[in-house]
Amino acid sequence: MDIFMKFIKRLILTLFLSLAMLAANAQGTLISDIVALSGNVTDVDNNAVTGLALMAVDATNGTWYYTMDGSTWMAVGSVAENEALLLAADAETRLYFQPNPNFNGTVTDAIRFRAWDQSSGTAGSKADTSTNGDTTAFSREIGTASIIVIAVNDAPVASGLVVTTDEENYMWTTPLLIAYRKALIWVPTSLWAILTS
C-alpha cells in the first residue's frame, strides 16, 4: 500500500494552551486534523484509513503527550525513525504540547512524522519506519508541523515575605495586592494583628 502525502510541507498547529495542569485542561490536536485522507494524504487502496508515525518531537520548551481515548494522557517520550509512535487518525486520538512555565512563541518543526495507513502496526505502539513507501504502511515523504504557543496572562503570586513581631503587637505593612477567590484586591495599607496563643 503506497501512501502519498500531497502537500504537507509545513502545517501550523495553533493551539490555545493553558498553563494549568495537563490532566485538568489538556485538549490537544486531533491526529485527524494533522493527517487526513480528505486533505493531505492519498491512498490508492479502497477503504483506506490513516494515522501518523511520530518520528521526532522538539521538547526543548515543553513536554509532548498523546491520548488514544480522549482522556488518558501519556508522555510521548523518546521517538525516532526506527522507533516511531503510531497514532491513528480517529475521533479520540490527540497530540498535546504542555509548554514549560512562561514559554510562548513558535516551535518550528515541532514534530516530524510519516503518514501511516494502519496496514501493519498497532496504535500506541512503536514501529521502524526506515523502510517506507511502495507497499509498506509508511509514506516515503516526511511531514513536519510547527506549533504556536500563545502567551497567557498569568495571575500574580505573592510569596517570600515573612515578617515577625512580638506577641499581641500591631504591624503596618506597605500596600499589598491580594489574590482571593479569583479576584484581585488592592489593599492600600494593611494592618496586621499578630496574635499568638
N, C-alpha and C. Protein backbone atom coordinates (compact mmCIF):
# COMPACT_ATOMS: atom_id res chain seq x y z
N MET A 1 0.85 -1.15 0.00
CA MET A 1 0.00 0.00 0.00
C MET A 1 0.90 1.23 0.00
N ASP A 2 0.79 2.06 -0.99
CA ASP A 2 1.66 3.23 -1.08
C ASP A 2 0.87 4.47 -0.70
N ILE A 3 1.39 5.20 0.24
CA ILE A 3 0.73 6.41 0.70
C ILE A 3 1.52 7.60 0.19
N PHE A 4 0.84 8.56 -0.41
CA PHE A 4 1.49 9.79 -0.88
C PHE A 4 0.95 10.96 -0.09
N MET A 5 1.82 11.77 0.38
CA MET A 5 1.41 12.99 1.07
C MET A 5 1.43 14.09 0.04
N LYS A 6 0.27 14.72 -0.21
CA LYS A 6 0.16 15.69 -1.29
C LYS A 6 0.85 17.00 -0.99
N PHE A 7 0.48 17.65 0.00
CA PHE A 7 1.05 18.99 0.18
C PHE A 7 1.43 19.30 1.63
N ILE A 8 1.96 18.29 2.33
CA ILE A 8 2.47 18.63 3.66
C ILE A 8 3.89 19.12 3.48
N LYS A 9 4.09 20.35 3.65
CA LYS A 9 5.42 20.95 3.72
C LYS A 9 5.56 21.52 5.11
N ARG A 10 4.55 22.24 5.53
CA ARG A 10 4.55 22.79 6.86
C ARG A 10 3.10 23.00 7.29
N LEU A 11 2.75 22.39 8.36
CA LEU A 11 1.39 22.51 8.90
C LEU A 11 1.51 23.27 10.22
N ILE A 12 0.83 24.38 10.30
CA ILE A 12 0.92 25.17 11.52
C ILE A 12 -0.25 24.80 12.42
N LEU A 13 0.09 24.29 13.57
CA LEU A 13 -0.92 23.94 14.55
C LEU A 13 -1.01 25.07 15.56
N THR A 14 -2.08 25.79 15.54
CA THR A 14 -2.24 26.87 16.51
C THR A 14 -3.05 26.33 17.67
N LEU A 15 -2.40 26.24 18.79
CA LEU A 15 -3.07 25.71 19.96
C LEU A 15 -3.21 26.80 21.00
N PHE A 16 -4.41 26.96 21.52
CA PHE A 16 -4.61 27.91 22.60
C PHE A 16 -4.39 27.13 23.89
N LEU A 17 -3.21 27.32 24.45
CA LEU A 17 -2.78 26.49 25.55
C LEU A 17 -2.99 27.17 26.89
N SER A 18 -3.37 26.39 27.84
CA SER A 18 -3.43 26.86 29.21
C SER A 18 -2.23 26.30 29.95
N LEU A 19 -1.66 27.06 30.85
CA LEU A 19 -0.54 26.56 31.62
C LEU A 19 -1.01 25.80 32.86
N ALA A 20 -2.31 25.49 32.89
CA ALA A 20 -2.84 24.71 34.00
C ALA A 20 -2.38 23.26 33.87
N MET A 21 -2.68 22.46 34.87
CA MET A 21 -2.22 21.09 34.88
C MET A 21 -2.78 20.33 33.69
N LEU A 22 -1.96 19.43 33.15
CA LEU A 22 -2.31 18.66 31.97
C LEU A 22 -3.61 17.89 32.14
N ALA A 23 -3.73 17.13 33.20
CA ALA A 23 -4.89 16.27 33.36
C ALA A 23 -6.19 17.05 33.41
N ALA A 24 -6.15 18.27 33.92
CA ALA A 24 -7.37 19.04 34.09
C ALA A 24 -7.83 19.70 32.80
N ASN A 25 -6.92 20.21 31.98
CA ASN A 25 -7.34 21.07 30.87
C ASN A 25 -6.82 20.69 29.49
N ALA A 26 -6.07 19.66 29.35
CA ALA A 26 -5.49 19.33 28.04
C ALA A 26 -6.58 18.98 27.04
N GLN A 27 -6.49 19.56 25.85
CA GLN A 27 -7.39 19.20 24.77
C GLN A 27 -6.60 18.64 23.60
N GLY A 28 -5.49 19.25 23.28
CA GLY A 28 -4.65 18.75 22.21
C GLY A 28 -5.25 18.93 20.84
N THR A 29 -4.57 18.36 19.87
CA THR A 29 -4.97 18.43 18.46
C THR A 29 -5.28 17.03 17.97
N LEU A 30 -6.42 16.85 17.34
CA LEU A 30 -6.76 15.55 16.77
C LEU A 30 -5.73 15.16 15.71
N ILE A 31 -5.33 13.91 15.72
CA ILE A 31 -4.42 13.41 14.69
C ILE A 31 -5.09 13.55 13.32
N SER A 32 -6.40 13.41 13.27
CA SER A 32 -7.13 13.56 12.00
C SER A 32 -7.09 14.99 11.47
N ASP A 33 -6.72 15.97 12.32
CA ASP A 33 -6.52 17.33 11.84
C ASP A 33 -5.11 17.53 11.29
N ILE A 34 -4.22 16.59 11.59
CA ILE A 34 -2.84 16.68 11.10
C ILE A 34 -2.68 15.89 9.81
N VAL A 35 -3.23 14.68 9.76
CA VAL A 35 -3.20 13.87 8.54
C VAL A 35 -4.62 13.41 8.24
N ALA A 36 -5.06 13.57 7.01
CA ALA A 36 -6.42 13.18 6.64
C ALA A 36 -6.47 12.77 5.18
N LEU A 37 -7.18 11.69 4.89
CA LEU A 37 -7.34 11.24 3.51
C LEU A 37 -8.09 12.27 2.68
N SER A 38 -8.91 13.08 3.33
CA SER A 38 -9.65 14.10 2.60
C SER A 38 -8.84 15.38 2.42
N GLY A 39 -7.62 15.40 2.93
CA GLY A 39 -6.82 16.62 2.88
C GLY A 39 -5.44 16.41 2.31
N ASN A 40 -4.50 15.98 3.14
CA ASN A 40 -3.11 15.97 2.73
C ASN A 40 -2.52 14.59 2.51
N VAL A 41 -3.33 13.53 2.59
CA VAL A 41 -2.84 12.17 2.37
C VAL A 41 -3.73 11.49 1.33
N THR A 42 -3.10 10.78 0.41
CA THR A 42 -3.87 9.97 -0.54
C THR A 42 -3.41 8.53 -0.44
N ASP A 43 -4.33 7.61 -0.70
CA ASP A 43 -4.02 6.18 -0.67
C ASP A 43 -4.80 5.54 -1.80
N VAL A 44 -4.13 4.74 -2.61
CA VAL A 44 -4.78 4.12 -3.77
C VAL A 44 -5.72 2.99 -3.37
N ASP A 45 -5.62 2.48 -2.17
CA ASP A 45 -6.46 1.37 -1.75
C ASP A 45 -7.85 1.83 -1.35
N ASN A 46 -8.83 0.98 -1.61
CA ASN A 46 -10.20 1.25 -1.18
C ASN A 46 -10.30 1.09 0.34
N ASN A 47 -11.22 1.79 0.95
CA ASN A 47 -11.46 1.71 2.39
C ASN A 47 -10.20 1.98 3.22
N ALA A 48 -9.37 2.85 2.73
CA ALA A 48 -8.12 3.16 3.43
C ALA A 48 -8.39 3.95 4.71
N VAL A 49 -7.54 3.76 5.67
CA VAL A 49 -7.54 4.55 6.90
C VAL A 49 -6.15 5.16 7.04
N THR A 50 -6.03 6.12 7.92
CA THR A 50 -4.72 6.75 8.06
C THR A 50 -4.42 7.08 9.51
N GLY A 51 -3.24 7.52 9.70
CA GLY A 51 -2.73 7.94 11.00
C GLY A 51 -1.34 8.48 10.76
N LEU A 52 -0.56 8.60 11.81
CA LEU A 52 0.82 9.05 11.61
C LEU A 52 1.78 8.25 12.47
N ALA A 53 3.01 8.21 12.00
CA ALA A 53 4.12 7.60 12.73
C ALA A 53 5.00 8.75 13.19
N LEU A 54 4.94 9.06 14.47
CA LEU A 54 5.64 10.21 15.04
C LEU A 54 7.11 9.85 15.24
N MET A 55 8.00 10.51 14.46
CA MET A 55 9.43 10.16 14.47
C MET A 55 10.27 11.11 15.30
N ALA A 56 9.81 12.34 15.52
CA ALA A 56 10.61 13.30 16.29
C ALA A 56 9.70 14.36 16.88
N VAL A 57 10.02 14.81 18.08
CA VAL A 57 9.33 15.92 18.73
C VAL A 57 10.39 16.86 19.30
N ASP A 58 10.12 18.15 19.23
CA ASP A 58 11.00 19.14 19.84
C ASP A 58 10.49 19.39 21.26
N ALA A 59 11.21 18.87 22.24
CA ALA A 59 10.81 19.01 23.64
C ALA A 59 11.68 20.02 24.38
N THR A 60 12.32 20.92 23.64
CA THR A 60 13.18 21.92 24.25
C THR A 60 12.42 22.81 25.22
N ASN A 61 11.20 23.20 24.86
CA ASN A 61 10.43 24.15 25.66
C ASN A 61 9.16 23.58 26.24
N GLY A 62 9.08 22.26 26.36
CA GLY A 62 7.89 21.65 26.92
C GLY A 62 7.89 20.15 26.76
N THR A 63 6.76 19.55 27.05
CA THR A 63 6.61 18.10 27.02
C THR A 63 5.44 17.73 26.12
N TRP A 64 5.59 16.67 25.35
CA TRP A 64 4.55 16.19 24.44
C TRP A 64 3.80 15.01 25.07
N TYR A 65 2.49 15.02 24.89
CA TYR A 65 1.63 13.96 25.39
C TYR A 65 0.70 13.50 24.27
N TYR A 66 0.17 12.29 24.41
CA TYR A 66 -0.85 11.81 23.47
C TYR A 66 -1.92 11.06 24.25
N THR A 67 -3.10 11.00 23.64
CA THR A 67 -4.19 10.20 24.19
C THR A 67 -4.82 9.44 23.04
N MET A 68 -5.29 8.24 23.33
CA MET A 68 -6.00 7.46 22.32
C MET A 68 -7.48 7.32 22.66
N ASP A 69 -7.86 7.79 23.86
CA ASP A 69 -9.26 7.71 24.25
C ASP A 69 -9.85 9.09 24.58
N GLY A 70 -9.07 10.14 24.39
CA GLY A 70 -9.54 11.50 24.64
C GLY A 70 -9.43 11.95 26.07
N SER A 71 -9.01 11.06 27.00
CA SER A 71 -8.94 11.48 28.40
C SER A 71 -7.69 11.00 29.13
N THR A 72 -7.16 9.86 28.79
CA THR A 72 -5.96 9.34 29.45
C THR A 72 -4.73 9.79 28.67
N TRP A 73 -3.93 10.68 29.28
CA TRP A 73 -2.76 11.25 28.61
C TRP A 73 -1.49 10.53 29.01
N MET A 74 -0.66 10.23 28.01
CA MET A 74 0.62 9.57 28.24
C MET A 74 1.72 10.40 27.58
N ALA A 75 2.89 10.43 28.21
CA ALA A 75 4.03 11.16 27.63
C ALA A 75 4.49 10.46 26.36
N VAL A 76 4.79 11.24 25.33
CA VAL A 76 5.31 10.68 24.08
C VAL A 76 6.66 10.02 24.33
N GLY A 77 7.51 10.68 25.09
CA GLY A 77 8.82 10.12 25.39
C GLY A 77 9.74 10.17 24.19
N SER A 78 10.66 9.23 24.14
CA SER A 78 11.66 9.19 23.08
C SER A 78 11.10 8.53 21.82
N VAL A 79 11.24 9.20 20.69
CA VAL A 79 10.84 8.64 19.40
C VAL A 79 11.96 8.87 18.39
N ALA A 80 11.98 8.05 17.35
CA ALA A 80 12.99 8.16 16.29
C ALA A 80 12.44 7.49 15.05
N GLU A 81 13.15 7.60 13.94
CA GLU A 81 12.67 6.98 12.70
C GLU A 81 12.51 5.47 12.87
N ASN A 82 13.40 4.84 13.60
CA ASN A 82 13.30 3.39 13.80
C ASN A 82 12.49 3.03 15.05
N GLU A 83 11.92 4.04 15.71
CA GLU A 83 11.09 3.83 16.89
C GLU A 83 9.99 4.88 16.95
N ALA A 84 9.19 4.92 15.87
CA ALA A 84 8.15 5.94 15.73
C ALA A 84 6.88 5.51 16.46
N LEU A 85 6.25 6.46 17.13
CA LEU A 85 5.00 6.21 17.84
C LEU A 85 3.85 6.26 16.84
N LEU A 86 3.05 5.19 16.79
CA LEU A 86 1.93 5.10 15.85
C LEU A 86 0.65 5.65 16.48
N LEU A 87 0.04 6.62 15.80
CA LEU A 87 -1.19 7.25 16.29
C LEU A 87 -2.23 7.27 15.18
N ALA A 88 -3.41 6.74 15.46
CA ALA A 88 -4.48 6.66 14.46
C ALA A 88 -5.17 8.01 14.29
N ALA A 89 -5.63 8.28 13.08
CA ALA A 89 -6.40 9.50 12.80
C ALA A 89 -7.88 9.15 13.00
N ASP A 90 -8.32 9.21 14.25
CA ASP A 90 -9.71 8.89 14.57
C ASP A 90 -10.32 10.01 15.42
N ALA A 91 -11.48 9.76 15.98
CA ALA A 91 -12.20 10.81 16.71
C ALA A 91 -11.66 11.06 18.12
N GLU A 92 -10.76 10.22 18.63
CA GLU A 92 -10.28 10.35 20.00
C GLU A 92 -8.78 10.64 20.13
N THR A 93 -7.99 10.17 19.20
CA THR A 93 -6.53 10.27 19.34
C THR A 93 -6.04 11.68 19.11
N ARG A 94 -5.30 12.20 20.09
CA ARG A 94 -4.84 13.59 20.07
C ARG A 94 -3.37 13.68 20.49
N LEU A 95 -2.76 14.78 20.11
CA LEU A 95 -1.39 15.12 20.49
C LEU A 95 -1.45 16.46 21.20
N TYR A 96 -0.70 16.59 22.30
CA TYR A 96 -0.77 17.79 23.13
C TYR A 96 0.64 18.23 23.53
N PHE A 97 0.90 19.53 23.45
CA PHE A 97 2.16 20.10 23.89
C PHE A 97 1.93 20.92 25.15
N GLN A 98 2.57 20.52 26.25
CA GLN A 98 2.49 21.26 27.51
C GLN A 98 3.76 22.10 27.61
N PRO A 99 3.65 23.42 27.39
CA PRO A 99 4.86 24.25 27.41
C PRO A 99 5.44 24.39 28.81
N ASN A 100 6.73 24.64 28.87
CA ASN A 100 7.37 24.96 30.14
C ASN A 100 6.76 26.26 30.66
N PRO A 101 6.81 26.50 31.97
CA PRO A 101 6.26 27.75 32.52
C PRO A 101 6.86 28.98 31.83
N ASN A 102 5.99 29.91 31.49
CA ASN A 102 6.35 31.19 30.87
C ASN A 102 6.90 31.08 29.46
N PHE A 103 6.83 29.90 28.83
CA PHE A 103 7.26 29.81 27.43
C PHE A 103 6.11 30.20 26.52
N ASN A 104 6.38 31.01 25.52
CA ASN A 104 5.45 31.28 24.44
C ASN A 104 6.26 31.58 23.20
N GLY A 105 5.65 31.36 22.04
CA GLY A 105 6.34 31.59 20.78
C GLY A 105 6.12 30.44 19.83
N THR A 106 6.89 30.41 18.76
CA THR A 106 6.76 29.39 17.73
C THR A 106 7.83 28.32 17.89
N VAL A 107 7.41 27.07 17.82
CA VAL A 107 8.35 25.96 17.77
C VAL A 107 8.30 25.45 16.33
N THR A 108 9.31 25.78 15.55
CA THR A 108 9.36 25.37 14.15
C THR A 108 9.74 23.89 14.09
N ASP A 109 9.10 23.16 13.18
CA ASP A 109 9.33 21.71 13.07
C ASP A 109 9.18 21.04 14.44
N ALA A 110 8.10 21.34 15.11
CA ALA A 110 7.85 20.79 16.44
C ALA A 110 7.70 19.27 16.40
N ILE A 111 7.11 18.76 15.32
CA ILE A 111 7.01 17.30 15.14
C ILE A 111 7.40 16.94 13.72
N ARG A 112 7.95 15.71 13.57
CA ARG A 112 8.25 15.13 12.26
C ARG A 112 7.57 13.77 12.22
N PHE A 113 6.93 13.46 11.09
CA PHE A 113 6.16 12.22 11.02
C PHE A 113 6.05 11.72 9.59
N ARG A 114 5.67 10.47 9.46
CA ARG A 114 5.27 9.88 8.19
C ARG A 114 3.79 9.51 8.31
N ALA A 115 3.09 9.54 7.20
CA ALA A 115 1.71 9.05 7.21
C ALA A 115 1.76 7.54 7.42
N TRP A 116 0.76 7.02 8.10
CA TRP A 116 0.68 5.59 8.43
C TRP A 116 -0.69 5.08 8.01
N ASP A 117 -0.72 4.02 7.17
CA ASP A 117 -2.02 3.54 6.67
C ASP A 117 -2.64 2.44 7.53
N GLN A 118 -2.05 2.10 8.65
CA GLN A 118 -2.56 1.13 9.61
C GLN A 118 -2.63 -0.30 9.08
N SER A 119 -1.96 -0.58 7.94
CA SER A 119 -1.97 -1.95 7.42
C SER A 119 -1.04 -2.86 8.22
N SER A 120 -0.13 -2.29 8.98
CA SER A 120 0.69 -3.05 9.93
C SER A 120 0.98 -2.15 11.12
N GLY A 121 1.24 -2.76 12.25
CA GLY A 121 1.48 -2.00 13.46
C GLY A 121 0.18 -1.74 14.21
N THR A 122 0.32 -1.31 15.45
CA THR A 122 -0.83 -1.07 16.32
C THR A 122 -0.73 0.32 16.92
N ALA A 123 -1.84 1.03 16.94
CA ALA A 123 -1.86 2.37 17.53
C ALA A 123 -1.37 2.32 18.97
N GLY A 124 -0.50 3.27 19.31
CA GLY A 124 0.06 3.34 20.65
C GLY A 124 1.36 2.59 20.80
N SER A 125 1.71 1.78 19.80
CA SER A 125 2.98 1.06 19.84
C SER A 125 4.01 1.79 18.98
N LYS A 126 5.23 1.28 18.96
CA LYS A 126 6.28 1.90 18.16
C LYS A 126 6.66 0.99 17.00
N ALA A 127 7.14 1.62 15.91
CA ALA A 127 7.49 0.87 14.71
C ALA A 127 8.71 1.48 14.04
N ASP A 128 9.41 0.66 13.28
CA ASP A 128 10.55 1.11 12.49
C ASP A 128 10.03 1.60 11.15
N THR A 129 10.19 2.89 10.86
CA THR A 129 9.69 3.46 9.60
C THR A 129 10.81 3.71 8.60
N SER A 130 12.01 3.18 8.88
CA SER A 130 13.12 3.42 7.96
C SER A 130 12.91 2.73 6.62
N THR A 131 12.10 1.66 6.60
CA THR A 131 11.65 1.07 5.34
C THR A 131 10.26 1.65 5.09
N ASN A 132 10.12 2.38 3.97
CA ASN A 132 8.87 3.12 3.74
C ASN A 132 8.56 3.21 2.26
N GLY A 133 7.39 3.74 1.95
CA GLY A 133 6.94 3.88 0.56
C GLY A 133 6.49 2.54 -0.01
N ASP A 134 6.22 2.54 -1.31
CA ASP A 134 5.78 1.34 -2.04
C ASP A 134 4.66 0.62 -1.29
N THR A 135 4.87 -0.64 -0.91
CA THR A 135 3.79 -1.41 -0.28
C THR A 135 3.88 -1.42 1.24
N THR A 136 4.72 -0.58 1.81
CA THR A 136 4.82 -0.54 3.28
C THR A 136 3.65 0.27 3.86
N ALA A 137 3.56 0.28 5.16
CA ALA A 137 2.49 1.02 5.84
C ALA A 137 2.83 2.50 6.02
N PHE A 138 4.05 2.92 5.64
CA PHE A 138 4.50 4.28 5.92
C PHE A 138 4.83 5.05 4.65
N SER A 139 4.50 6.32 4.65
CA SER A 139 4.78 7.16 3.48
C SER A 139 6.28 7.38 3.33
N ARG A 140 6.68 7.57 2.12
CA ARG A 140 8.08 7.91 1.83
C ARG A 140 8.36 9.34 2.30
N GLU A 141 7.41 10.22 2.04
CA GLU A 141 7.56 11.62 2.40
C GLU A 141 7.43 11.83 3.91
N ILE A 142 8.14 12.83 4.39
CA ILE A 142 8.10 13.18 5.81
C ILE A 142 7.36 14.50 5.96
N GLY A 143 6.42 14.52 6.88
CA GLY A 143 5.69 15.75 7.18
C GLY A 143 6.25 16.40 8.43
N THR A 144 6.13 17.71 8.50
CA THR A 144 6.52 18.44 9.70
C THR A 144 5.37 19.36 10.10
N ALA A 145 5.35 19.69 11.36
CA ALA A 145 4.35 20.64 11.85
C ALA A 145 5.02 21.54 12.87
N SER A 146 4.64 22.80 12.83
CA SER A 146 5.12 23.76 13.81
C SER A 146 3.98 24.06 14.76
N ILE A 147 4.31 24.62 15.90
CA ILE A 147 3.27 24.94 16.87
C ILE A 147 3.50 26.36 17.38
N ILE A 148 2.41 27.08 17.58
CA ILE A 148 2.48 28.43 18.12
C ILE A 148 1.86 28.39 19.52
N VAL A 149 2.64 28.76 20.52
CA VAL A 149 2.15 28.81 21.89
C VAL A 149 1.83 30.26 22.20
N ILE A 150 0.57 30.53 22.46
CA ILE A 150 0.08 31.87 22.73
C ILE A 150 0.37 32.24 24.19
N ALA A 151 0.90 33.43 24.41
CA ALA A 151 1.18 33.88 25.78
C ALA A 151 -0.12 34.04 26.55
N VAL A 152 -0.09 33.71 27.82
CA VAL A 152 -1.26 33.88 28.68
C VAL A 152 -0.91 34.87 29.78
N ASN A 153 -1.94 35.51 30.32
CA ASN A 153 -1.74 36.47 31.39
C ASN A 153 -1.77 35.72 32.71
N ASP A 154 -0.59 35.38 33.21
CA ASP A 154 -0.50 34.63 34.46
C ASP A 154 -0.98 35.47 35.64
N ALA A 155 -1.69 34.84 36.54
CA ALA A 155 -2.14 35.53 37.75
C ALA A 155 -0.93 35.83 38.63
N PRO A 156 -0.94 36.99 39.30
CA PRO A 156 0.19 37.31 40.18
C PRO A 156 0.21 36.40 41.39
N VAL A 157 1.41 36.18 41.90
CA VAL A 157 1.58 35.33 43.06
C VAL A 157 2.41 36.08 44.09
N ALA A 158 1.89 36.19 45.30
CA ALA A 158 2.65 36.81 46.38
C ALA A 158 3.40 35.72 47.12
N SER A 159 4.68 35.95 47.37
CA SER A 159 5.45 34.95 48.10
C SER A 159 6.71 35.58 48.67
N GLY A 160 7.32 34.87 49.59
CA GLY A 160 8.64 35.21 50.03
C GLY A 160 8.77 36.15 51.22
N LEU A 161 7.76 36.92 51.56
CA LEU A 161 7.91 37.89 52.63
C LEU A 161 7.43 37.29 53.95
N VAL A 162 8.34 37.19 54.91
CA VAL A 162 7.99 36.71 56.23
C VAL A 162 8.35 37.80 57.21
N VAL A 163 7.40 38.22 58.01
CA VAL A 163 7.62 39.30 58.98
C VAL A 163 7.20 38.79 60.34
N THR A 164 7.99 39.09 61.35
CA THR A 164 7.63 38.69 62.71
C THR A 164 7.56 39.92 63.60
N THR A 165 6.78 39.81 64.65
CA THR A 165 6.69 40.88 65.65
C THR A 165 6.39 40.23 66.99
N ASP A 166 6.49 41.01 68.03
CA ASP A 166 6.22 40.48 69.37
C ASP A 166 4.74 40.15 69.51
N GLU A 167 4.47 39.25 70.43
CA GLU A 167 3.10 38.81 70.69
C GLU A 167 2.20 39.99 71.03
N GLU A 168 0.99 40.00 70.45
CA GLU A 168 -0.06 40.97 70.66
C GLU A 168 0.30 42.39 70.24
N ASN A 169 1.27 42.55 69.39
CA ASN A 169 1.61 43.86 68.84
C ASN A 169 0.98 44.03 67.47
N TYR A 170 0.97 45.24 66.98
CA TYR A 170 0.44 45.54 65.66
C TYR A 170 1.60 45.88 64.73
N MET A 171 1.37 45.69 63.42
CA MET A 171 2.41 45.99 62.47
C MET A 171 1.77 46.57 61.21
N TRP A 172 2.33 47.64 60.70
CA TRP A 172 1.87 48.24 59.44
C TRP A 172 2.71 47.67 58.32
N THR A 173 2.06 47.38 57.19
CA THR A 173 2.82 46.91 56.03
C THR A 173 2.62 47.88 54.88
N THR A 174 3.41 47.70 53.86
CA THR A 174 3.27 48.53 52.66
C THR A 174 2.07 48.05 51.87
N PRO A 175 1.64 48.80 50.86
CA PRO A 175 0.49 48.37 50.06
C PRO A 175 0.66 46.94 49.55
N LEU A 176 -0.45 46.25 49.40
CA LEU A 176 -0.42 44.83 49.09
C LEU A 176 -1.51 44.48 48.07
N LEU A 177 -1.17 43.61 47.14
CA LEU A 177 -2.14 43.08 46.18
C LEU A 177 -2.44 41.65 46.59
N ILE A 178 -3.70 41.36 46.87
CA ILE A 178 -4.08 40.05 47.37
C ILE A 178 -4.95 39.34 46.34
N ALA A 179 -4.63 38.07 46.07
CA ALA A 179 -5.47 37.25 45.21
C ALA A 179 -6.40 36.46 46.11
N TYR A 180 -7.72 36.65 45.94
CA TYR A 180 -8.69 35.98 46.78
C TYR A 180 -9.84 35.49 45.92
N ARG A 181 -10.04 34.19 45.85
CA ARG A 181 -11.13 33.59 45.09
C ARG A 181 -11.24 34.17 43.69
N LYS A 182 -10.13 34.16 42.98
CA LYS A 182 -10.05 34.60 41.59
C LYS A 182 -10.26 36.09 41.39
N ALA A 183 -10.28 36.87 42.48
CA ALA A 183 -10.40 38.32 42.36
C ALA A 183 -9.13 38.94 42.93
N LEU A 184 -8.70 40.02 42.33
CA LEU A 184 -7.54 40.73 42.84
C LEU A 184 -8.03 41.90 43.69
N ILE A 185 -7.53 41.98 44.91
CA ILE A 185 -7.95 43.02 45.84
C ILE A 185 -6.73 43.87 46.17
N TRP A 186 -6.83 45.16 45.93
CA TRP A 186 -5.74 46.09 46.25
C TRP A 186 -5.99 46.63 47.65
N VAL A 187 -5.05 46.38 48.56
CA VAL A 187 -5.14 46.86 49.93
C VAL A 187 -4.10 47.96 50.08
N PRO A 188 -4.54 49.25 50.14
CA PRO A 188 -3.58 50.35 50.17
C PRO A 188 -2.64 50.28 51.35
N THR A 189 -3.13 49.99 52.50
CA THR A 189 -2.29 49.81 53.68
C THR A 189 -2.91 48.69 54.50
N SER A 190 -2.07 47.82 54.99
CA SER A 190 -2.60 46.67 55.72
C SER A 190 -2.18 46.73 57.17
N LEU A 191 -3.13 46.54 58.04
CA LEU A 191 -2.86 46.47 59.47
C LEU A 191 -3.02 45.01 59.88
N TRP A 192 -1.94 44.45 60.34
CA TRP A 192 -1.98 43.04 60.71
C TRP A 192 -1.90 42.92 62.23
N ALA A 193 -2.86 42.27 62.79
CA ALA A 193 -2.79 41.98 64.23
C ALA A 193 -2.19 40.60 64.38
N ILE A 194 -1.07 40.55 65.01
CA ILE A 194 -0.39 39.27 65.18
C ILE A 194 -0.77 38.72 66.55
N LEU A 195 -1.51 37.66 66.55
CA LEU A 195 -1.99 37.07 67.80
C LEU A 195 -1.40 35.68 67.95
N THR A 196 -0.94 35.39 69.10
CA THR A 196 -0.44 34.04 69.38
C THR A 196 -1.09 33.54 70.65
N SER A 197 -1.13 32.26 70.79
CA SER A 197 -1.75 31.71 71.99
C SER A 197 -0.72 31.43 73.05
